[in-house]
Every structure is written in structure tokens, then in C-alpha cells.
Amino acid sequence: MELLHSGKVRDLYADGDDLILVATDRISIYDVALPTAIPDKGRLLTALSLWWFEQLADLVPNHVISTTDVPAEFAGRAIRCRRLEMVPVECVARGYLTGGGFAEYQRTGAVSGVELPRGLVEASILPEPIFTPSTKAPKGEQDEPITYAQVVDKVGAETAERLRQITIDIYRRGAEIAADRGILVADTKIELGWAPDGTLVLADEVLTSDSSRFWPAESYQPGRAQFSYDKQYVRDWATDSGWDRQPPAPEVPAEVVEATRARYVEVYEKLTGNRWD
């Protein structure tokens, strides 16, 4: 195998005509990889993505070829997948106002060019899910919000509409399934690519704790920060630490590592109904 790319949290290898996508235990926040790993993270996110790929199979094809035909050292955290020409846009759907979207709304009254009602607060539910794309920044740089018009400029009107519709459809399906299990999906980011026949294909990971914000429905209350089953806990720790969000990132304390792993395990079990061994 040939290592093609080592990203913030995943490594990509070429194996003949296929790719081997390996989810590591690395974690990144603010587009910076932290020096401290989260044990089992790669296996947890791979297992959760595979479960979601099955739930979404009727909406959009995915890149998975095999989960078992991978090198033994990567077993459980790798997927053999199809080669795709990746779309040069991060596709994001939001159903609640939080994070960078809330900060942008406070400044402009809109998110990625989508005008929103006045008077919304932190964690407000939106009238309907919105498509809020961003750039795909090189490693070490941060993604930046872009408008739908900028997506059209990048990929054309027809593809832009397909990206928006697929992203919203995936969000709606994911949010519906999660709600039945007591979890709110505040937002999610997906990756899409073109197959050789021009089909748009879902790739990378989907509806995981790294690509989404998950909140327990039972404690949801707009107007404040929510308990998160995702890496928001690490973001909050980093903010309180005084780190300026520029590399190199500080080491993560053991208690933050353990609490983060516990949240990843809990949301996996709640969503899938499977016990994590």
C-alpha cells in the first residue's frame, strides 16, 4: 500500500484501484490536530459511520467496498472504499443555531448567506434545516463559511442544488432516527465525491461525534450551551485553557480524554442500540 495523505484525524492509502481509509485516534479542533489521542476513537467513529451508511443507503450511494478486506493492523478502524473525485466544498446542514453559525448570526443575522428570524438565541431550533457550506481548507488552516452562490460558482448550479438537497436529506433522516433515541442532531457535516459515472457518492464519515453535534433531548434548553456527546467538550476545555487556536496545540489532560471517550461510547450505544465492548 502507498500512503497518499495523512490528515488531521484520518490516513488514506492506495491499494490497487481501491483506497483504504483509516480512522486514527487523533482528534482535531479548530482545524488543528491535538497531540493527545482519544482511545478507541477510530474504531468508534468507523463503526458509527458504517451503521449510518446502512440507514442512509436509499438516499445516496456511499463509497464502502468492504469493512473486512483491510490490513490486519487497521482492522475495525478502516474501510476499503471507492476512488472518488471529491467535491471542493464542505457540506453542512444545521437544524439548531450554535457554534460558528450562532456567532455569525449574532454579527449579521444570517448564516452562510441564509437570513434567519430575529431574536434567536444560542441553541434555538431553526424554522427548517439550512444548508451552510464552507471551504475545504488545507491542513493547518481553518474552513471558512461560504454562501450558496459561492458554491454555484465553484461547481455549477445543478451540482450545487444536488449538494444542498442531499445534505438536507441526510440531516433530516439522521435527525429523525436520532430523535427516536433521545438525541438531537444540532448540525452535521458530510463529504461527497463524484464517481466515474458522474454519480454523487457519500464518502469519508457520516453523522459521527466528529462531524456532528449531538445533544440529549431530555436536557435541551435554548438560550444556553448544551451538554454535547461530541468533541465540543474538548473545544470547551481548549477555550478555557487560553490556547490561541494556533499550532502547536497543548496536551489534553487525562480527565478530559476519558470524559470525551465516554461521550463517544455513550452516543454510539444510544444511536445503534449496540453495546461497545
Protein backbone atom coordinates (compact mmCIF):
# COMPACT_ATOMS: atom_id res chain seq x y z
CA MET A 1 0.00 0.00 0.00
CA GLU A 2 1.01 3.59 -0.59
CA LEU A 3 0.28 6.37 1.89
CA LEU A 4 -1.43 9.10 -0.12
CA HIS A 5 -2.39 11.50 2.61
CA SER A 6 -2.14 11.84 6.37
CA GLY A 7 -4.84 14.22 7.52
CA LYS A 8 -5.71 15.68 10.89
CA VAL A 9 -7.53 12.54 12.03
CA ARG A 10 -7.53 10.08 9.09
CA ASP A 11 -4.91 8.44 6.89
CA LEU A 12 -5.54 7.46 3.28
CA TYR A 13 -3.74 4.66 1.45
CA ALA A 14 -3.86 3.47 -2.13
CA ASP A 15 -4.27 -0.28 -2.61
CA GLY A 16 -4.53 -1.06 -6.31
CA ASP A 17 -7.66 0.60 -7.68
CA ASP A 18 -9.13 0.99 -4.19
CA LEU A 19 -8.48 3.27 -1.24
CA ILE A 20 -8.04 2.29 2.39
CA LEU A 21 -9.43 4.98 4.71
CA VAL A 22 -8.08 4.64 8.25
CA ALA A 23 -9.66 6.48 11.18
CA THR A 24 -6.99 7.16 13.79
CA ASP A 25 -7.44 8.01 17.45
CA ARG A 26 -6.23 11.56 16.79
CA ILE A 27 -8.63 14.41 17.49
CA SER A 28 -8.72 17.89 15.99
CA ILE A 29 -10.47 21.09 17.00
CA TYR A 30 -10.44 24.41 15.18
CA ASP A 31 -8.77 22.52 12.32
CA VAL A 32 -5.70 21.75 14.44
CA ALA A 33 -4.75 18.18 15.40
CA LEU A 34 -4.17 17.80 19.13
CA PRO A 35 -1.11 15.89 20.39
CA THR A 36 -3.20 13.64 22.67
CA ALA A 37 -5.21 10.72 21.25
CA ILE A 38 -8.66 9.56 22.38
CA PRO A 39 -8.51 5.75 22.92
CA ASP A 40 -10.88 3.75 20.65
CA LYS A 41 -11.96 6.87 18.78
CA GLY A 42 -11.05 5.49 15.35
CA ARG A 43 -12.95 2.27 15.91
CA LEU A 44 -15.97 4.04 17.39
CA LEU A 45 -16.30 6.51 14.54
CA THR A 46 -15.79 3.83 11.90
CA ALA A 47 -18.46 1.61 13.46
CA LEU A 48 -20.90 4.51 13.78
CA SER A 49 -20.32 5.65 10.19
CA LEU A 50 -20.93 2.14 8.88
CA TRP A 51 -24.18 1.95 10.82
CA TRP A 52 -25.30 5.28 9.37
CA PHE A 53 -24.31 4.31 5.83
CA GLU A 54 -26.86 1.49 6.12
CA GLN A 55 -29.58 3.85 7.39
CA LEU A 56 -28.96 6.26 4.50
CA ALA A 57 -28.41 3.80 1.67
CA ASP A 58 -31.70 4.61 -0.05
CA LEU A 59 -30.92 8.34 -0.08
CA VAL A 60 -27.43 8.35 -1.56
CA PRO A 61 -24.84 5.71 -2.54
CA ASN A 62 -21.70 5.50 -0.40
CA HIS A 63 -18.05 4.72 -1.00
CA VAL A 64 -17.80 1.49 1.03
CA ILE A 65 -16.44 -1.60 -0.75
CA SER A 66 -15.52 -3.72 2.26
CA THR A 67 -15.07 -3.45 6.00
CA THR A 68 -13.14 -6.70 6.34
CA ASP A 69 -10.79 -6.68 3.34
CA VAL A 70 -8.34 -4.31 5.03
CA PRO A 71 -4.84 -4.81 6.50
CA ALA A 72 -4.94 -6.61 9.85
CA GLU A 73 -3.26 -3.75 11.69
CA PHE A 74 -6.15 -1.47 10.71
CA ALA A 75 -8.97 -3.91 11.48
CA GLY A 76 -12.01 -2.22 13.00
CA ARG A 77 -10.97 1.30 12.05
CA ALA A 78 -10.51 1.07 8.30
CA ILE A 79 -12.75 0.89 5.25
CA ARG A 80 -11.85 -0.27 1.76
CA CYS A 81 -13.55 2.29 -0.44
CA ARG A 82 -14.04 3.59 -3.94
CA ARG A 83 -11.90 6.30 -5.51
CA LEU A 84 -13.86 9.50 -5.98
CA GLU A 85 -13.22 13.00 -7.21
CA MET A 86 -14.09 14.89 -4.05
CA VAL A 87 -16.34 17.92 -4.19
CA PRO A 88 -14.34 21.06 -3.22
CA VAL A 89 -16.94 22.10 -0.62
CA GLU A 90 -17.72 21.07 2.95
CA CYS A 91 -21.46 20.32 3.00
CA VAL A 92 -23.04 21.35 6.31
CA ALA A 93 -26.66 21.21 7.46
CA ARG A 94 -27.91 22.96 10.60
CA GLY A 95 -31.16 22.37 12.43
CA TYR A 96 -30.20 24.38 15.51
CA LEU A 97 -28.24 27.61 15.93
CA THR A 98 -24.94 27.03 17.70
CA GLY A 99 -21.19 27.18 17.30
CA GLY A 100 -19.79 29.24 14.47
CA GLY A 101 -23.26 29.56 12.98
CA PHE A 102 -24.55 31.30 16.10
CA ALA A 103 -21.54 33.62 16.16
CA GLU A 104 -22.14 34.56 12.53
CA TYR A 105 -25.85 35.10 13.19
CA GLN A 106 -25.04 37.46 16.06
CA ARG A 107 -22.89 39.54 13.71
CA THR A 108 -25.02 39.51 10.57
CA GLY A 109 -28.45 37.99 11.25
CA ALA A 110 -27.62 35.24 8.75
CA VAL A 111 -25.58 32.05 8.41
CA SER A 112 -23.71 31.44 5.15
CA GLY A 113 -25.96 34.00 3.50
CA VAL A 114 -29.19 32.40 4.79
CA GLU A 115 -31.26 35.09 6.51
CA LEU A 116 -32.80 33.93 9.79
CA PRO A 117 -35.56 35.32 12.04
CA ARG A 118 -34.56 37.97 14.55
CA GLY A 119 -34.32 37.18 18.25
CA LEU A 120 -32.84 33.68 18.06
CA VAL A 121 -30.63 32.60 20.93
CA GLU A 122 -27.92 30.02 21.49
CA ALA A 123 -29.27 26.55 20.56
CA SER A 124 -32.53 27.87 19.06
CA ILE A 125 -34.24 25.36 16.79
CA LEU A 126 -34.40 26.76 13.24
CA PRO A 127 -37.68 27.02 11.32
CA GLU A 128 -36.26 24.39 8.96
CA PRO A 129 -32.82 22.86 8.38
CA ILE A 130 -30.48 25.07 6.38
CA PHE A 131 -27.51 24.36 4.11
CA THR A 132 -24.45 26.28 5.36
CA PRO A 133 -21.42 25.18 3.31
CA SER A 134 -17.80 26.04 3.97
CA THR A 135 -14.45 25.90 2.24
CA LYS A 136 -12.12 22.91 2.41
CA ALA A 137 -9.03 24.43 3.94
CA PRO A 138 -5.57 22.84 3.64
CA LYS A 139 -4.18 21.09 6.71
CA GLY A 140 -3.36 23.63 9.41
CA GLU A 141 -5.83 26.22 8.15
CA GLN A 142 -9.45 26.74 9.16
CA ASP A 143 -12.51 26.19 6.97
CA GLU A 144 -14.42 29.38 6.23
CA PRO A 145 -18.20 29.73 5.71
CA ILE A 146 -19.32 30.40 2.14
CA THR A 147 -22.67 31.23 0.60
CA TYR A 148 -24.76 29.08 -1.68
CA ALA A 149 -23.91 31.47 -4.52
CA GLN A 150 -20.22 30.76 -3.96
CA VAL A 151 -20.93 27.02 -4.16
CA VAL A 152 -22.65 27.62 -7.50
CA ASP A 153 -19.54 29.48 -8.67
CA LYS A 154 -17.36 26.51 -7.65
CA VAL A 155 -19.37 23.58 -9.00
CA GLY A 156 -22.23 24.94 -11.12
CA ALA A 157 -25.92 25.43 -10.37
CA GLU A 158 -27.05 21.85 -10.98
CA THR A 159 -24.40 20.27 -8.76
CA ALA A 160 -24.86 22.93 -6.08
CA GLU A 161 -28.56 22.10 -5.85
CA ARG A 162 -27.78 18.37 -5.62
CA LEU A 163 -25.27 19.04 -2.83
CA ARG A 164 -27.81 21.08 -0.91
CA GLN A 165 -30.61 18.56 -1.33
CA ILE A 166 -28.50 15.52 -0.40
CA THR A 167 -27.10 17.31 2.66
CA ILE A 168 -30.54 18.36 3.90
CA ASP A 169 -32.00 14.89 3.19
CA ILE A 170 -29.22 13.23 5.19
CA TYR A 171 -29.68 15.68 8.05
CA ARG A 172 -33.44 15.13 8.15
CA ARG A 173 -33.10 11.34 8.13
CA GLY A 174 -30.36 11.39 10.74
CA ALA A 175 -32.24 13.82 12.98
CA GLU A 176 -35.41 11.72 12.77
CA ILE A 177 -33.64 8.49 13.66
CA ALA A 178 -31.65 10.12 16.46
CA ALA A 179 -34.75 11.79 17.93
CA ASP A 180 -36.34 8.38 18.35
CA ARG A 181 -33.35 7.54 20.54
CA GLY A 182 -33.47 10.70 22.62
CA ILE A 183 -30.75 12.59 20.77
CA LEU A 184 -30.92 15.92 18.94
CA VAL A 185 -28.66 16.44 15.93
CA ALA A 186 -27.81 20.14 16.04
CA ASP A 187 -25.77 20.11 12.84
CA THR A 188 -23.71 17.79 10.69
CA LYS A 189 -21.02 17.93 8.02
CA ILE A 190 -20.74 15.45 5.15
CA GLU A 191 -18.30 14.78 2.32
CA LEU A 192 -19.43 13.99 -1.21
CA GLY A 193 -17.50 12.98 -4.31
CA TRP A 194 -18.11 12.12 -7.94
CA ALA A 195 -17.85 8.52 -9.11
CA PRO A 196 -16.51 7.98 -12.67
CA ASP A 197 -20.09 7.79 -13.99
CA GLY A 198 -20.90 11.23 -12.53
CA THR A 199 -22.90 9.94 -9.55
CA LEU A 200 -22.55 11.88 -6.31
CA VAL A 201 -21.38 9.48 -3.58
CA LEU A 202 -21.29 9.87 0.20
CA ALA A 203 -17.74 9.43 1.49
CA ASP A 204 -15.47 9.77 4.50
CA GLU A 205 -17.55 9.64 7.72
CA VAL A 206 -21.19 10.46 8.36
CA LEU A 207 -23.16 11.57 11.43
CA THR A 208 -20.36 10.84 13.87
CA SER A 209 -19.27 12.65 17.00
CA ASP A 210 -16.52 14.34 14.97
CA SER A 211 -18.74 15.54 12.14
CA SER A 212 -21.89 16.41 14.11
CA ARG A 213 -23.15 18.00 17.30
CA PHE A 214 -25.29 15.58 19.33
CA TRP A 215 -27.35 16.77 22.32
CA PRO A 216 -29.51 14.77 24.77
CA ALA A 217 -33.12 15.72 24.12
CA GLU A 218 -34.10 15.40 27.78
CA SER A 219 -31.89 18.28 28.88
CA TYR A 220 -32.26 20.53 25.83
CA GLN A 221 -32.97 24.14 26.70
CA PRO A 222 -32.41 27.02 24.26
CA GLY A 223 -30.55 30.09 25.47
CA ARG A 224 -27.52 28.27 26.85
CA ALA A 225 -24.78 25.85 25.88
CA GLN A 226 -25.93 22.21 25.71
CA PHE A 227 -24.38 19.02 27.03
CA SER A 228 -22.66 17.50 23.99
CA TYR A 229 -21.92 13.90 23.07
CA ASP A 230 -19.24 15.10 20.65
CA LYS A 231 -15.89 16.88 20.71
CA GLN A 232 -17.47 20.13 21.90
CA TYR A 233 -16.26 19.08 25.35
CA VAL A 234 -12.69 19.28 24.08
CA ARG A 235 -13.38 22.62 22.38
CA ASP A 236 -14.70 23.99 25.68
CA TRP A 237 -11.63 22.75 27.54
CA ALA A 238 -9.34 24.32 24.92
CA THR A 239 -11.16 27.65 25.16
CA ASP A 240 -10.87 27.68 28.95
CA SER A 241 -7.16 26.78 28.70
CA GLY A 242 -6.38 30.04 26.93
CA TRP A 243 -4.96 28.34 23.83
CA ASP A 244 -4.98 30.72 20.85
CA ARG A 245 -6.17 28.01 18.39
CA GLN A 246 -2.85 28.07 16.54
CA PRO A 247 -0.46 25.11 16.33
CA PRO A 248 1.10 23.63 18.29
CA ALA A 249 -1.88 22.60 20.40
CA PRO A 250 -1.48 21.76 24.09
CA GLU A 251 -1.65 18.27 25.56
CA VAL A 252 -5.14 17.24 26.66
CA PRO A 253 -5.48 16.30 30.36
CA ALA A 254 -6.28 12.67 31.15
CA GLU A 255 -9.66 13.52 32.68
CA VAL A 256 -10.72 15.35 29.51
CA VAL A 257 -9.59 12.40 27.38
CA GLU A 258 -11.59 9.93 29.47
CA ALA A 259 -14.72 12.12 29.56
CA THR A 260 -14.54 12.58 25.78
CA ARG A 261 -14.16 8.86 25.14
CA ALA A 262 -17.12 8.17 27.45
CA ARG A 263 -19.31 10.53 25.43
CA TYR A 264 -18.29 8.91 22.15
CA VAL A 265 -19.16 5.49 23.57
CA GLU A 266 -22.48 6.66 25.03
CA VAL A 267 -23.76 8.22 21.82
CA TYR A 268 -22.66 5.18 19.79
CA GLU A 269 -24.64 2.91 22.11
CA LYS A 270 -27.69 5.17 22.21
CA LEU A 271 -27.86 5.55 18.43
CA THR A 272 -27.10 2.00 17.33
CA GLY A 273 -28.52 0.03 20.25
CA ASN A 274 -25.27 -1.94 20.31
CA ARG A 275 -23.06 -2.27 23.38
CA TRP A 276 -19.49 -1.11 22.94
CA ASP A 277 -17.00 -3.74 24.10
